[in-house]
Protein backbone atom coordinates (compact mmCIF):
# COMPACT_ATOMS: atom_id res chain seq x y z
CA MET A 1 0.00 0.00 0.00
CA ASP A 2 1.37 3.43 -0.96
CA SER A 3 1.67 6.37 1.41
CA GLN A 4 -1.56 7.92 0.18
CA GLY A 5 -3.45 4.72 0.89
CA LYS A 6 -2.02 4.51 4.39
CA ALA A 7 -2.95 8.13 5.02
CA ARG A 8 -6.54 7.45 3.92
CA ASN A 9 -6.73 4.44 6.23
CA ARG A 10 -5.50 6.50 9.18
CA GLN A 11 -8.00 9.21 8.36
CA ASN A 12 -10.83 6.68 8.15
CA MET A 13 -9.85 5.24 11.52
CA LEU A 14 -9.80 8.71 13.10
CA THR A 15 -13.16 9.54 11.58
CA GLY A 16 -14.67 6.26 12.73
CA HIS A 17 -13.37 6.70 16.26
CA ARG A 18 -14.59 10.31 16.43
CA ARG A 19 -18.06 9.33 15.26
CA GLN A 20 -18.23 6.54 17.80
CA VAL A 21 -17.34 8.96 20.60
CA ILE A 22 -19.90 11.47 19.29
CA LEU A 23 -22.58 8.77 19.32
CA GLU A 24 -21.67 7.82 22.88
CA GLN A 25 -21.99 11.46 23.94
CA VAL A 26 -25.39 11.75 22.28
CA GLN A 27 -26.60 8.61 24.05
CA SER A 28 -25.22 9.83 27.39
CA HIS A 29 -26.27 13.50 27.27
CA LYS A 30 -29.29 13.13 24.93
CA ALA A 31 -28.07 16.12 22.89
CA VAL A 32 -24.82 17.55 21.50
CA LYS A 33 -23.84 20.88 19.94
CA THR A 34 -21.70 21.25 16.83
CA SER A 35 -19.66 24.08 18.35
CA GLU A 36 -18.79 22.09 21.48
CA LEU A 37 -17.85 18.98 19.49
CA SER A 38 -15.67 21.07 17.23
CA GLU A 39 -13.71 22.31 20.27
CA THR A 40 -13.56 18.87 21.87
CA PHE A 41 -12.05 17.18 18.80
CA SER A 42 -10.11 20.22 17.50
CA VAL A 43 -11.69 19.93 14.07
CA SER A 44 -13.77 22.33 11.99
CA PRO A 45 -17.54 22.71 12.46
CA MET A 46 -17.92 21.46 8.87
CA THR A 47 -16.20 18.19 9.82
CA ILE A 48 -18.55 17.74 12.77
CA ARG A 49 -21.58 18.50 10.61
CA ASN A 50 -20.42 15.82 8.17
CA ASP A 51 -20.07 13.39 11.08
CA LEU A 52 -23.55 14.17 12.38
CA ASN A 53 -25.10 13.92 8.93
CA ALA A 54 -23.48 10.52 8.41
CA LEU A 55 -24.73 9.24 11.77
CA ALA A 56 -28.20 10.62 11.04
CA GLU A 57 -28.28 8.81 7.68
CA GLN A 58 -27.48 5.60 9.57
CA GLY A 59 -30.47 6.25 11.84
CA LYS A 60 -28.31 6.59 14.96
CA LEU A 61 -29.31 10.15 15.90
CA VAL A 62 -31.55 13.04 14.83
CA ARG A 63 -30.07 16.23 13.35
CA VAL A 64 -31.31 19.52 14.76
CA HIS A 65 -30.19 23.10 14.26
CA GLY A 66 -26.75 23.49 15.80
CA GLY A 67 -26.20 19.83 16.64
CA ALA A 68 -28.03 16.55 17.16
CA VAL A 69 -30.24 14.73 19.66
CA THR A 70 -30.85 11.13 20.55
CA ARG A 71 -33.53 9.19 18.69
CA GLN A 72 -35.28 8.71 22.03
CA TRP A 73 -38.42 10.85 21.84
CA LEU A 74 -39.46 13.46 24.39
CA THR A 75 -42.30 11.34 25.74
CA THR A 76 -40.17 8.19 26.12
CA GLU A 77 -40.29 7.07 29.74
CA PRO A 78 -38.48 4.02 31.14
CA SER A 79 -40.14 2.27 34.06
CA TYR A 80 -39.04 2.73 37.66
CA HIS A 81 -37.41 -0.70 37.64
CA ASP A 82 -35.56 0.02 34.39
CA LYS A 83 -34.10 3.20 35.89
CA ALA A 84 -33.27 1.83 39.33
CA ASP A 85 -29.82 0.45 38.49
CA VAL A 86 -28.76 3.21 36.06
CA ASN A 87 -25.98 5.31 37.63
CA ARG A 88 -26.86 3.69 40.94
CA LEU A 89 -23.73 4.73 42.83
CA GLU A 90 -24.22 8.36 41.83
CA LYS A 91 -27.86 8.23 42.92
CA VAL A 92 -26.94 6.80 46.31
CA ALA A 93 -24.40 9.58 46.91
CA ILE A 94 -26.86 12.25 45.74
CA GLY A 95 -29.65 10.95 47.96
CA ARG A 96 -27.37 10.68 50.98
CA GLN A 97 -26.23 14.30 50.56
CA ALA A 98 -29.77 15.59 50.03
CA ALA A 99 -30.95 13.90 53.23
CA THR A 100 -28.50 16.00 55.25
CA LEU A 101 -30.53 19.11 54.33
CA ILE A 102 -33.48 17.91 56.44
CA GLU A 103 -33.63 19.59 59.85
CA GLU A 104 -35.56 19.02 63.05
CA GLY A 105 -39.26 19.85 62.77
CA MET A 106 -39.30 20.43 59.01
CA ALA A 107 -42.25 19.77 56.73
CA VAL A 108 -40.63 17.92 53.83
CA PHE A 109 -41.92 16.86 50.43
CA ILE A 110 -40.13 14.05 48.57
CA GLY A 111 -41.23 13.45 44.99
CA ASN A 112 -41.25 10.13 43.18
CA GLY A 113 -38.22 8.69 41.40
CA THR A 114 -35.25 6.38 41.76
CA THR A 115 -32.90 9.16 42.91
CA THR A 116 -35.31 10.57 45.47
CA MET A 117 -35.76 7.03 46.81
CA GLN A 118 -32.17 7.31 48.01
CA ILE A 119 -33.20 10.19 50.29
CA ILE A 120 -35.72 7.84 51.88
CA LYS A 121 -33.01 5.25 52.47
CA HIS A 122 -30.73 7.83 54.14
CA LEU A 123 -33.20 9.89 56.18
CA PRO A 124 -31.61 11.22 59.40
CA THR A 125 -32.49 9.23 62.51
CA ASP A 126 -31.52 11.86 65.10
CA ARG A 127 -34.33 14.33 64.41
CA HIS A 128 -38.11 14.31 63.94
CA PHE A 129 -39.91 15.73 60.87
CA ARG A 130 -42.97 15.36 58.67
CA VAL A 131 -42.65 13.84 55.22
CA PHE A 132 -45.18 14.20 52.41
CA THR A 133 -44.83 12.16 49.22
CA ASN A 134 -46.82 11.38 46.10
CA ALA A 135 -44.86 8.13 45.57
CA LEU A 136 -46.57 5.00 46.81
CA ASN A 137 -43.30 3.04 47.07
CA HIS A 138 -41.65 5.89 48.98
CA ALA A 139 -44.49 5.90 51.52
CA LEU A 140 -44.22 2.15 52.06
CA GLU A 141 -40.45 2.44 52.50
CA MET A 142 -40.99 5.04 55.26
CA SER A 143 -43.84 3.26 57.02
CA HIS A 144 -41.55 1.78 59.69
CA LEU A 145 -39.57 4.94 60.49
CA PRO A 146 -40.22 6.27 64.01
CA GLN A 147 -38.65 9.68 63.34
CA ALA A 148 -40.98 10.61 60.46
CA ASP A 149 -44.71 11.36 60.33
CA VAL A 150 -45.62 10.21 56.82
CA PHE A 151 -48.39 11.75 54.70
CA VAL A 152 -49.36 10.36 51.29
CA VAL A 153 -50.65 12.64 48.56
CA GLY A 154 -53.59 10.83 46.96
CA GLY A 155 -54.60 10.67 43.32
CA TYR A 156 -54.36 8.49 40.24
CA LEU A 157 -51.56 5.91 40.53
CA ARG A 158 -49.19 5.74 37.55
CA ALA A 159 -47.95 2.15 37.65
CA LEU A 160 -44.91 3.05 35.52
CA SER A 161 -43.45 5.32 38.21
CA PHE A 162 -45.56 4.67 41.35
CA ALA A 163 -46.49 8.37 41.35
CA MET A 164 -49.87 9.68 42.49
CA VAL A 165 -50.99 12.36 40.03
CA GLY A 166 -54.02 14.14 38.60
CA ARG A 167 -56.67 16.49 39.98
CA LEU A 168 -56.99 14.65 43.29
CA ALA A 169 -53.25 14.84 43.86
CA ARG A 170 -53.20 18.58 43.21
CA GLN A 171 -56.22 19.09 45.46
CA SER A 172 -54.45 17.14 48.22
CA LEU A 173 -51.88 19.95 48.33
CA ASP A 174 -54.41 22.73 48.90
CA GLY A 175 -53.49 24.66 52.04
CA VAL A 176 -50.38 22.53 52.69
CA TYR A 177 -46.91 24.08 52.53
CA PHE A 178 -43.40 22.69 52.84
CA ASP A 179 -40.14 23.95 54.26
CA ILE A 180 -38.26 22.01 51.62
CA ALA A 181 -39.25 19.96 48.57
CA PHE A 182 -37.02 17.39 46.88
CA LEU A 183 -37.80 16.64 43.24
CA GLY A 184 -36.27 14.56 40.49
CA ALA A 185 -36.34 15.35 36.77
CA ASN A 186 -35.68 13.56 33.50
CA GLY A 187 -34.25 16.71 31.98
CA ILE A 188 -32.59 19.88 33.26
CA SER A 189 -32.06 22.61 30.70
CA LEU A 190 -30.99 26.23 31.15
CA GLU A 191 -33.46 27.22 28.44
CA TYR A 192 -36.42 24.95 29.26
CA GLY A 193 -35.98 24.27 32.97
CA LEU A 194 -36.98 21.04 34.68
CA THR A 195 -38.88 18.58 32.50
CA LEU A 196 -40.53 15.15 32.70
CA PRO A 197 -41.97 12.84 30.04
CA SER A 198 -45.37 12.77 31.79
CA ILE A 199 -47.67 15.80 31.68
CA GLU A 200 -49.54 14.54 34.76
CA GLU A 201 -46.38 14.16 36.84
CA ALA A 202 -45.07 17.54 35.73
CA GLU A 203 -48.33 19.20 36.79
CA ALA A 204 -48.16 17.59 40.23
CA ALA A 205 -44.51 18.56 40.67
CA ALA A 206 -45.23 22.14 39.58
CA GLU A 207 -47.89 22.38 42.28
CA VAL A 208 -45.34 21.20 44.85
CA VAL A 209 -42.88 23.93 43.77
CA ARG A 210 -45.59 26.55 44.33
CA HIS A 211 -46.13 25.22 47.87
CA ALA A 212 -42.46 24.95 48.90
CA ARG A 213 -40.31 27.58 50.57
CA ARG A 214 -37.24 25.88 49.12
CA THR A 215 -36.99 23.55 46.09
CA VAL A 216 -34.09 21.13 45.75
CA VAL A 217 -33.56 19.11 42.57
CA LEU A 218 -31.78 15.74 42.58
CA ALA A 219 -30.25 14.54 39.31
CA ASP A 220 -27.16 12.73 38.10
CA HIS A 221 -25.05 14.45 35.44
CA THR A 222 -26.70 12.65 32.50
CA LYS A 223 -29.92 14.65 33.04
CA PHE A 224 -28.35 18.04 32.29
CA GLY A 225 -28.86 19.46 28.82
CA VAL A 226 -31.79 17.08 28.30
CA VAL A 227 -35.32 18.25 27.52
CA ALA A 228 -38.34 15.98 28.11
CA HIS A 229 -41.98 16.52 27.14
CA SER A 230 -43.46 18.59 29.99
CA GLN A 231 -42.04 21.42 32.06
CA ILE A 232 -42.20 21.44 35.84
CA THR A 233 -40.71 24.89 36.33
CA ASP A 234 -37.97 27.26 35.23
CA ILE A 235 -34.44 27.05 36.64
CA ALA A 236 -35.10 30.42 38.32
CA MET A 237 -37.53 28.67 40.69
CA VAL A 238 -34.90 26.16 41.84
CA ASP A 239 -33.02 26.94 45.05
CA ALA A 240 -30.49 24.10 45.03
CA ILE A 241 -29.31 21.18 42.91
CA VAL A 242 -27.65 18.01 44.19
CA THR A 243 -25.68 16.14 41.54
CA ASP A 244 -22.48 14.17 40.93
CA ARG A 245 -19.00 15.12 39.77
CA GLY A 246 -19.79 14.38 36.15
CA LEU A 247 -21.54 17.76 35.82
CA SER A 248 -19.87 19.87 33.13
CA ASP A 249 -18.13 23.17 33.91
CA ARG A 250 -20.61 24.95 31.63
CA PHE A 251 -23.50 24.07 33.92
CA ARG A 252 -21.49 24.75 37.07
CA MET A 253 -20.75 28.30 35.89
CA ALA A 254 -24.33 28.85 34.73
CA PHE A 255 -25.81 27.81 38.08
CA GLU A 256 -23.34 30.01 39.92
CA ASN A 257 -24.41 32.99 37.81
CA LEU A 258 -28.07 32.15 38.47
CA ASP A 259 -27.39 31.94 42.23
CA VAL A 260 -28.51 28.30 42.36
CA GLU A 261 -26.88 26.50 45.28
CA LEU A 262 -24.92 23.51 43.96
CA HIS A 263 -24.05 20.37 45.93
CA VAL A 264 -21.63 18.14 44.00
CA VAL A 265 -20.91 14.67 45.44
């Protein structure tokens, strides 16, 4: 093989490797931007656009203005059991840290989800407080805890997530207020705020935000930059975020500028 042939082979290998890494980033972060990929790989935006177009033609991602997104649609929602073991170590650390924010005598709301379940498993035992939840499995998990008075928000039970939602759930919150509310989210975007695949769950969570003096969001780093189907609230309504060390510097700086308290574990 002549030198030109070897050079083409090397170039093809570099291109193939770059596209594989791009695909992994799309699958991990749900979305990528051409400008950021260009900086990451030290290649031109045109090269990245060619990569994204090629991957889109193979059906591996969806091209959008300025980048690409995963082929997973906005309303796609894995079950509670499917999510339970995803990034489990990060979720345990996040839940443990969030539980330290609960103080003696507080009225606490803990929303449904696999990350918020880790708060339940690490609730402090040296203080007494009231806990409200719209998650049936969370309530059962807390039923034996002597330090917590447990209140269940009623409503329609979504078997996929064990969440109680709908008009009855929202009515259950009338006249009830919380010192602190812990919520999970499928997506956290600077532009579109906190989002979930389910309209019903987003409506219930939005009602909780309106009733809480302080809102704390729990999410591992893969949720940032992702947008799901229904908005809970804007980032401006979030007081604190508990996440893991995989969070990008871009989001760290943005939250600092927005005066959102950040707990990184």
